[in-house]
């Protein structure tokens, strides 16, 4: 079973609440979330930081959007080991002990460090999913070099760094 860490922006796009996301992007996000619910495993942190971020932007009632339906699934399955893995992460002055000390990640969004910490702490080597947050794209080389597996659901919305053209 494939494991994933899902940035909240994926569910926000699935809800249709990201005006910069086109229909292809929204469809990719919906498909990814449904795939996790049907065949995947979601990786969360034991401090419930990711869950708290989901709750800030999504409705646990599962309505009205497909991102909200994902939130409801997460809420119902967070303690089901076959569906969700909860890994311990350690907060520190720089974010989390599990976050790489790579100087090329010094400007990485502090609010996204929990996703990286969880991905690196999990023994399942999960893929981190992102939709429209360009910070992941801008730091992808350093993240990959430090062992983070990434999946960009909406690469058409990312700026192409110099020398990194498709």
C-alpha atoms as a PDB file:
ATOM      1  CA  UNK A   1       0.000   0.000   0.000  1.00  0.00           C
ATOM      2  CA  UNK A   2       1.433   3.370  -0.997  1.00  0.00           C
ATOM      3  CA  UNK A   3       1.806   5.991   1.699  1.00  0.00           C
ATOM      4  CA  UNK A   4       1.229   9.732   1.308  1.00  0.00           C
ATOM      5  CA  UNK A   5       1.567  12.986   3.189  1.00  0.00           C
ATOM      6  CA  UNK A   6      -0.986  15.475   1.886  1.00  0.00           C
ATOM      7  CA  UNK A   7      -0.451  19.231   2.094  1.00  0.00           C
ATOM      8  CA  UNK A   8      -3.765  20.881   2.986  1.00  0.00           C
ATOM      9  CA  UNK A   9      -3.669  22.850  -0.267  1.00  0.00           C
ATOM     10  CA  UNK A  10      -4.571  19.643  -2.142  1.00  0.00           C
ATOM     11  CA  UNK A  11      -7.906  19.382  -0.310  1.00  0.00           C
ATOM     12  CA  UNK A  12      -8.497  23.135  -0.615  1.00  0.00           C
ATOM     13  CA  UNK A  13      -8.114  22.837  -4.391  1.00  0.00           C
ATOM     14  CA  UNK A  14     -10.400  19.784  -4.412  1.00  0.00           C
ATOM     15  CA  UNK A  15     -13.008  21.968  -2.691  1.00  0.00           C
ATOM     16  CA  UNK A  16     -12.736  24.527  -5.480  1.00  0.00           C
ATOM     17  CA  UNK A  17     -11.448  27.145  -3.043  1.00  0.00           C
ATOM     18  CA  UNK A  18      -8.205  27.990  -4.862  1.00  0.00           C
ATOM     19  CA  UNK A  19      -8.998  30.476  -7.639  1.00  0.00           C
ATOM     20  CA  UNK A  20      -5.571  30.005  -9.258  1.00  0.00           C
ATOM     21  CA  UNK A  21      -6.252  26.287  -9.843  1.00  0.00           C
ATOM     22  CA  UNK A  22      -7.650  25.278 -13.203  1.00  0.00           C
ATOM     23  CA  UNK A  23     -10.104  22.428 -13.791  1.00  0.00           C
ATOM     24  CA  UNK A  24      -7.296  19.978 -14.638  1.00  0.00           C
ATOM     25  CA  UNK A  25      -5.635  20.788 -11.309  1.00  0.00           C
ATOM     26  CA  UNK A  26      -8.855  20.402  -9.347  1.00  0.00           C
ATOM     27  CA  UNK A  27      -9.562  17.075 -11.035  1.00  0.00           C
ATOM     28  CA  UNK A  28      -6.038  15.819 -10.238  1.00  0.00           C
ATOM     29  CA  UNK A  29      -6.518  16.747  -6.571  1.00  0.00           C
ATOM     30  CA  UNK A  30      -9.898  15.052  -6.343  1.00  0.00           C
ATOM     31  CA  UNK A  31      -8.508  11.906  -8.003  1.00  0.00           C
ATOM     32  CA  UNK A  32      -5.503  11.836  -5.650  1.00  0.00           C
ATOM     33  CA  UNK A  33      -7.637  12.174  -2.515  1.00  0.00           C
ATOM     34  CA  UNK A  34     -10.097   9.525  -3.654  1.00  0.00           C
ATOM     35  CA  UNK A  35      -7.194   7.205  -4.497  1.00  0.00           C
ATOM     36  CA  UNK A  36      -5.755   7.593  -0.991  1.00  0.00           C
ATOM     37  CA  UNK A  37      -9.144   6.822   0.544  1.00  0.00           C
ATOM     38  CA  UNK A  38      -9.586   3.737  -1.635  1.00  0.00           C
ATOM     39  CA  UNK A  39      -6.080   2.301  -1.872  1.00  0.00           C
ATOM     40  CA  UNK A  40      -3.576   4.401   0.045  1.00  0.00           C
ATOM     41  CA  UNK A  41      -2.311   5.155   3.495  1.00  0.00           C
ATOM     42  CA  UNK A  42      -2.156   8.672   4.913  1.00  0.00           C
ATOM     43  CA  UNK A  43       0.750   9.616   7.168  1.00  0.00           C
ATOM     44  CA  UNK A  44       0.035  12.081   9.987  1.00  0.00           C
ATOM     45  CA  UNK A  45       1.965  13.348  12.993  1.00  0.00           C
ATOM     46  CA  UNK A  46       1.320  12.215  16.551  1.00  0.00           C
ATOM     47  CA  UNK A  47       0.990  15.847  17.701  1.00  0.00           C
ATOM     48  CA  UNK A  48      -2.024  16.303  15.413  1.00  0.00           C
ATOM     49  CA  UNK A  49      -0.503  19.365  13.752  1.00  0.00           C
ATOM     50  CA  UNK A  50      -1.487  18.230  10.267  1.00  0.00           C
ATOM     51  CA  UNK A  51      -4.973  17.316  11.463  1.00  0.00           C
ATOM     52  CA  UNK A  52      -5.309  20.762  13.089  1.00  0.00           C
ATOM     53  CA  UNK A  53      -4.354  22.441   9.822  1.00  0.00           C
ATOM     54  CA  UNK A  54      -6.912  20.336   7.958  1.00  0.00           C
ATOM     55  CA  UNK A  55      -9.544  21.397  10.498  1.00  0.00           C
ATOM     56  CA  UNK A  56      -8.704  25.093   9.983  1.00  0.00           C
ATOM     57  CA  UNK A  57      -9.456  24.905   6.248  1.00  0.00           C
ATOM     58  CA  UNK A  58     -11.837  21.959   5.838  1.00  0.00           C
ATOM     59  CA  UNK A  59     -15.162  20.834   7.252  1.00  0.00           C
ATOM     60  CA  UNK A  60     -15.158  17.597   9.274  1.00  0.00           C
ATOM     61  CA  UNK A  61     -18.832  17.159   8.339  1.00  0.00           C
ATOM     62  CA  UNK A  62     -17.678  16.115   4.867  1.00  0.00           C
ATOM     63  CA  UNK A  63     -19.701  18.870   3.203  1.00  0.00           C
ATOM     64  CA  UNK A  64     -19.916  20.628   0.841  1.00  0.00           C
ATOM     65  CA  UNK A  65     -16.740  19.824  -1.135  1.00  0.00           C
ATOM     66  CA  UNK A  66     -14.628  16.809  -1.989  1.00  0.00           C
ATOM     67  CA  UNK A  67     -11.783  18.191   0.123  1.00  0.00           C
ATOM     68  CA  UNK A  68     -14.216  18.275   3.032  1.00  0.00           C
ATOM     69  CA  UNK A  69     -15.142  14.648   2.305  1.00  0.00           C
ATOM     70  CA  UNK A  70     -11.427  13.829   2.584  1.00  0.00           C
ATOM     71  CA  UNK A  71     -11.311  15.636   5.940  1.00  0.00           C
ATOM     72  CA  UNK A  72     -14.231  13.541   7.174  1.00  0.00           C
ATOM     73  CA  UNK A  73     -12.429  10.372   6.015  1.00  0.00           C
ATOM     74  CA  UNK A  74      -9.255  11.462   7.820  1.00  0.00           C
ATOM     75  CA  UNK A  75     -11.217  12.174  10.997  1.00  0.00           C
ATOM     76  CA  UNK A  76     -12.892   8.762  10.895  1.00  0.00           C
ATOM     77  CA  UNK A  77      -9.713   6.849  10.009  1.00  0.00           C
ATOM     78  CA  UNK A  78      -6.961   8.668  11.886  1.00  0.00           C
ATOM     79  CA  UNK A  79      -6.631   5.853  14.449  1.00  0.00           C
ATOM     80  CA  UNK A  80      -7.075   2.992  11.957  1.00  0.00           C
ATOM     81  CA  UNK A  81      -3.572   1.645  11.418  1.00  0.00           C
ATOM     82  CA  UNK A  82      -4.446   0.134   8.037  1.00  0.00           C
ATOM     83  CA  UNK A  83      -5.497   3.592   6.756  1.00  0.00           C
ATOM     84  CA  UNK A  84      -3.345   6.115   8.665  1.00  0.00           C
ATOM     85  CA  UNK A  85       0.100   6.018  10.184  1.00  0.00           C
ATOM     86  CA  UNK A  86       0.848   8.455  12.987  1.00  0.00           C
ATOM     87  CA  UNK A  87       4.531   9.184  13.413  1.00  0.00           C
ATOM     88  CA  UNK A  88       6.234  11.082  16.235  1.00  0.00           C
ATOM     89  CA  UNK A  89       7.886  14.382  15.355  1.00  0.00           C
ATOM     90  CA  UNK A  90       9.915  16.611  17.632  1.00  0.00           C
ATOM     91  CA  UNK A  91       9.407  20.398  17.626  1.00  0.00           C
ATOM     92  CA  UNK A  92      12.580  22.470  17.858  1.00  0.00           C
ATOM     93  CA  UNK A  93      13.663  26.093  17.573  1.00  0.00           C
ATOM     94  CA  UNK A  94      14.181  25.664  13.830  1.00  0.00           C
ATOM     95  CA  UNK A  95      10.919  23.789  13.275  1.00  0.00           C
ATOM     96  CA  UNK A  96      11.385  20.078  13.859  1.00  0.00           C
ATOM     97  CA  UNK A  97      14.357  17.868  14.668  1.00  0.00           C
ATOM     98  CA  UNK A  98      13.422  15.684  11.682  1.00  0.00           C
ATOM     99  CA  UNK A  99      13.603  18.616   9.224  1.00  0.00           C
ATOM    100  CA  UNK A 100      16.884  18.703   7.266  1.00  0.00           C
ATOM    101  CA  UNK A 101      19.531  21.265   8.256  1.00  0.00           C
ATOM    102  CA  UNK A 102      20.312  21.915   4.579  1.00  0.00           C
ATOM    103  CA  UNK A 103      21.037  25.657   4.057  1.00  0.00           C
ATOM    104  CA  UNK A 104      19.103  25.452   0.781  1.00  0.00           C
ATOM    105  CA  UNK A 105      15.972  24.865   2.870  1.00  0.00           C
ATOM    106  CA  UNK A 106      16.506  27.887   5.133  1.00  0.00           C
ATOM    107  CA  UNK A 107      13.699  29.802   3.383  1.00  0.00           C
ATOM    108  CA  UNK A 108      11.267  26.879   3.222  1.00  0.00           C
ATOM    109  CA  UNK A 109       7.828  27.831   4.600  1.00  0.00           C
ATOM    110  CA  UNK A 110       7.858  27.088   8.358  1.00  0.00           C
ATOM    111  CA  UNK A 111       4.188  26.037   8.248  1.00  0.00           C
ATOM    112  CA  UNK A 112       5.057  23.258   5.781  1.00  0.00           C
ATOM    113  CA  UNK A 113       7.976  21.832   7.760  1.00  0.00           C
ATOM    114  CA  UNK A 114       5.648  19.465   9.623  1.00  0.00           C
ATOM    115  CA  UNK A 115       4.850  17.663   6.350  1.00  0.00           C
ATOM    116  CA  UNK A 116       8.552  17.180   5.614  1.00  0.00           C
ATOM    117  CA  UNK A 117       9.259  16.030   9.176  1.00  0.00           C
ATOM    118  CA  UNK A 118       6.467  13.463   8.963  1.00  0.00           C
ATOM    119  CA  UNK A 119       7.587  12.219   5.550  1.00  0.00           C
ATOM    120  CA  UNK A 120      11.171  11.758   6.707  1.00  0.00           C
ATOM    121  CA  UNK A 121      10.211  10.149  10.016  1.00  0.00           C
ATOM    122  CA  UNK A 122       7.888   7.545   8.487  1.00  0.00           C
ATOM    123  CA  UNK A 123       9.384   4.150   7.720  1.00  0.00           C
ATOM    124  CA  UNK A 124       6.975   3.841   4.768  1.00  0.00           C
ATOM    125  CA  UNK A 125       8.789   6.485   2.675  1.00  0.00           C
ATOM    126  CA  UNK A 126       5.610   8.398   1.815  1.00  0.00           C
ATOM    127  CA  UNK A 127       5.254  10.764  -1.095  1.00  0.00           C
ATOM    128  CA  UNK A 128       4.341  14.348  -0.220  1.00  0.00           C
ATOM    129  CA  UNK A 129       1.514  15.663  -2.412  1.00  0.00           C
ATOM    130  CA  UNK A 130       1.277  19.324  -3.337  1.00  0.00           C
ATOM    131  CA  UNK A 131      -1.148  21.148  -5.611  1.00  0.00           C
ATOM    132  CA  UNK A 132      -0.569  24.902  -5.882  1.00  0.00           C
ATOM    133  CA  UNK A 133       1.976  25.871  -3.204  1.00  0.00           C
ATOM    134  CA  UNK A 134       5.056  27.113  -5.136  1.00  0.00           C
ATOM    135  CA  UNK A 135       7.333  26.790  -2.089  1.00  0.00           C
ATOM    136  CA  UNK A 136       7.519  23.029  -2.651  1.00  0.00           C
ATOM    137  CA  UNK A 137       8.472  23.573  -6.295  1.00  0.00           C
ATOM    138  CA  UNK A 138      11.107  26.192  -5.466  1.00  0.00           C
ATOM    139  CA  UNK A 139      12.762  23.885  -2.921  1.00  0.00           C
ATOM    140  CA  UNK A 140      12.262  20.581  -4.695  1.00  0.00           C
ATOM    141  CA  UNK A 141      15.946  19.930  -5.472  1.00  0.00           C
ATOM    142  CA  UNK A 142      16.967  20.344  -1.827  1.00  0.00           C
ATOM    143  CA  UNK A 143      13.978  18.362  -0.581  1.00  0.00           C
ATOM    144  CA  UNK A 144      14.670  15.472  -2.942  1.00  0.00           C
ATOM    145  CA  UNK A 145      18.387  15.552  -2.092  1.00  0.00           C
ATOM    146  CA  UNK A 146      17.370  15.161   1.560  1.00  0.00           C
ATOM    147  CA  UNK A 147      15.172  12.127   0.919  1.00  0.00           C
ATOM    148  CA  UNK A 148      11.722  13.683   0.438  1.00  0.00           C
ATOM    149  CA  UNK A 149       9.607  12.129  -2.304  1.00  0.00           C
ATOM    150  CA  UNK A 150       7.360  14.689  -4.009  1.00  0.00           C
ATOM    151  CA  UNK A 151       4.329  14.560  -6.274  1.00  0.00           C
ATOM    152  CA  UNK A 152       3.175  17.758  -7.928  1.00  0.00           C
ATOM    153  CA  UNK A 153      -0.479  17.363  -8.850  1.00  0.00           C
ATOM    154  CA  UNK A 154      -0.617  20.699 -10.706  1.00  0.00           C
ATOM    155  CA  UNK A 155       2.790  21.316 -12.272  1.00  0.00           C
ATOM    156  CA  UNK A 156       1.172  23.679 -14.761  1.00  0.00           C
ATOM    157  CA  UNK A 157       0.773  26.163 -11.893  1.00  0.00           C
ATOM    158  CA  UNK A 158       4.415  26.107 -10.841  1.00  0.00           C
ATOM    159  CA  UNK A 159       7.035  28.474 -12.185  1.00  0.00           C
ATOM    160  CA  UNK A 160       9.797  26.675 -14.000  1.00  0.00           C
ATOM    161  CA  UNK A 161      13.132  27.480 -12.319  1.00  0.00           C
ATOM    162  CA  UNK A 162      16.016  28.352 -14.651  1.00  0.00           C
ATOM    163  CA  UNK A 163      17.664  25.204 -15.982  1.00  0.00           C
ATOM    164  CA  UNK A 164      14.785  23.018 -14.760  1.00  0.00           C
ATOM    165  CA  UNK A 165      12.535  23.249 -17.794  1.00  0.00           C
ATOM    166  CA  UNK A 166      10.540  20.136 -18.709  1.00  0.00           C
END
